[in-house]
Protein backbone atom coordinates (compact mmCIF):
# COMPACT_ATOMS: atom_id res chain seq x y z
CA UNK A 1 79.12 18.10 90.18
CA UNK A 2 75.88 18.91 90.75
CA UNK A 3 72.25 17.42 89.16
CA UNK A 4 69.62 19.48 88.21
CA UNK A 5 66.13 18.76 86.58
CA UNK A 6 65.28 16.00 84.86
CA UNK A 7 64.15 16.66 81.46
CA UNK A 8 63.21 13.90 78.03
CA UNK A 9 65.13 10.96 80.58
CA UNK A 10 68.36 12.12 80.72
CA UNK A 11 69.68 14.64 83.90
CA UNK A 12 70.88 18.04 82.98
CA UNK A 13 73.80 19.00 85.08
CA UNK A 14 73.64 22.36 86.14
CA UNK A 15 77.39 22.87 87.27
CA UNK A 16 79.61 21.44 84.45
CA UNK A 17 83.46 22.65 85.12
CA UNK A 18 84.94 20.87 81.90
CA UNK A 19 87.27 23.00 79.58
CA UNK A 20 86.19 21.62 76.48
CA UNK A 21 82.56 20.85 75.10
CA UNK A 22 81.59 17.06 75.17
CA UNK A 23 80.22 15.80 71.67
CA UNK A 24 77.67 13.17 73.41
CA UNK A 25 77.80 9.65 70.99
CA UNK A 26 75.91 6.68 72.13
CA UNK A 27 78.90 3.45 71.23
CA UNK A 28 79.66 0.50 72.06
CA UNK A 29 83.54 0.11 73.46
CA UNK A 30 85.91 -1.96 75.94
CA UNK A 31 87.32 -1.35 78.71
CA UNK A 32 90.74 -3.17 78.99
CA UNK A 33 92.69 -3.47 82.77
CA UNK A 34 96.57 -2.99 81.76
CA UNK A 35 96.88 -5.61 84.81
CA UNK A 36 94.28 -8.75 83.31
CA UNK A 37 92.91 -9.82 80.22
CA UNK A 38 89.23 -9.70 81.41
CA UNK A 39 86.98 -7.47 79.46
CA UNK A 40 84.92 -5.43 80.63
CA UNK A 41 81.87 -3.96 77.81
CA UNK A 42 80.61 -0.12 78.43
CA UNK A 43 78.88 2.37 76.47
CA UNK A 44 80.61 5.63 75.52
CA UNK A 45 77.74 8.39 76.31
CA UNK A 46 80.35 11.31 75.64
CA UNK A 47 83.65 12.39 74.41
CA UNK A 48 86.54 14.75 73.32
CA UNK A 49 90.09 14.81 72.83
CA UNK A 50 90.62 14.83 76.48
CA UNK A 51 88.31 12.36 78.04
CA UNK A 52 85.02 10.93 77.75
CA UNK A 53 82.00 9.64 80.36
CA UNK A 54 81.30 6.07 80.11
CA UNK A 55 78.12 4.14 81.34
CA UNK A 56 79.15 0.85 82.76
CA UNK A 57 77.35 -1.99 83.90
CA UNK A 58 75.45 -1.80 88.12
CA UNK A 59 77.10 -4.59 88.75
CA UNK A 60 80.72 -4.35 87.55
CA UNK A 61 83.22 -2.19 89.36
CA UNK A 62 85.48 -0.31 86.73
CA UNK A 63 89.84 -0.40 87.41
CA UNK A 64 91.32 3.00 88.14
CA UNK A 65 93.48 2.85 84.79
CA UNK A 66 92.45 0.77 81.65
CA UNK A 67 92.50 1.27 78.28
CA UNK A 68 89.24 2.23 76.05
CA UNK A 69 88.48 0.11 73.20
CA UNK A 70 86.41 2.09 71.24
CA UNK A 71 83.72 -0.38 68.90
CA UNK A 72 85.00 -3.13 66.71
CA UNK A 73 87.74 -0.28 64.96
CA UNK A 74 90.48 -1.45 67.45
CA UNK A 75 91.20 2.44 67.85
CA UNK A 76 92.64 1.82 71.59
CA UNK A 77 93.46 5.04 74.56
CA UNK A 78 94.20 4.78 77.79
CA UNK A 79 92.28 6.38 80.93
CA UNK A 80 91.88 7.05 84.17
CA UNK A 81 89.13 7.62 86.17
CA UNK A 82 88.65 10.89 87.04
CA UNK A 83 85.04 10.99 88.56
CA UNK A 84 82.36 7.92 89.01
CA UNK A 85 78.74 7.98 89.97
CA UNK A 86 76.58 4.65 90.01
CA UNK A 87 77.06 3.68 86.60
CA UNK A 88 78.04 6.58 85.13
CA UNK A 89 82.12 7.26 84.69
CA UNK A 90 84.24 10.38 83.57
CA UNK A 91 87.62 9.34 82.16
CA UNK A 92 90.47 11.67 81.45
CA UNK A 93 92.43 9.90 78.32
CA UNK A 94 96.25 10.03 79.28
CA UNK A 95 97.74 9.45 75.97
CA UNK A 96 97.99 12.22 73.33
């Protein structure tokens, strides 16, 4: 994934290989690792029915697979990390 020029405080993606255009959102969510009870806060930056882009605190390392809990609605999706760059993660939903 290549990054182009910086515009309005956000990086614009120059080479976007996604099959489906993502809807940009800024929603609070929680990462629930499958092997422990320790939750991590995150922000959903964009989403489709196949996956999402997340932002996590820079001091935190996300597990490779986890459940993503959307806000207070307790809507959950199992996820697998597909890429990580700094505090950004790209995840695919593994159960539909």
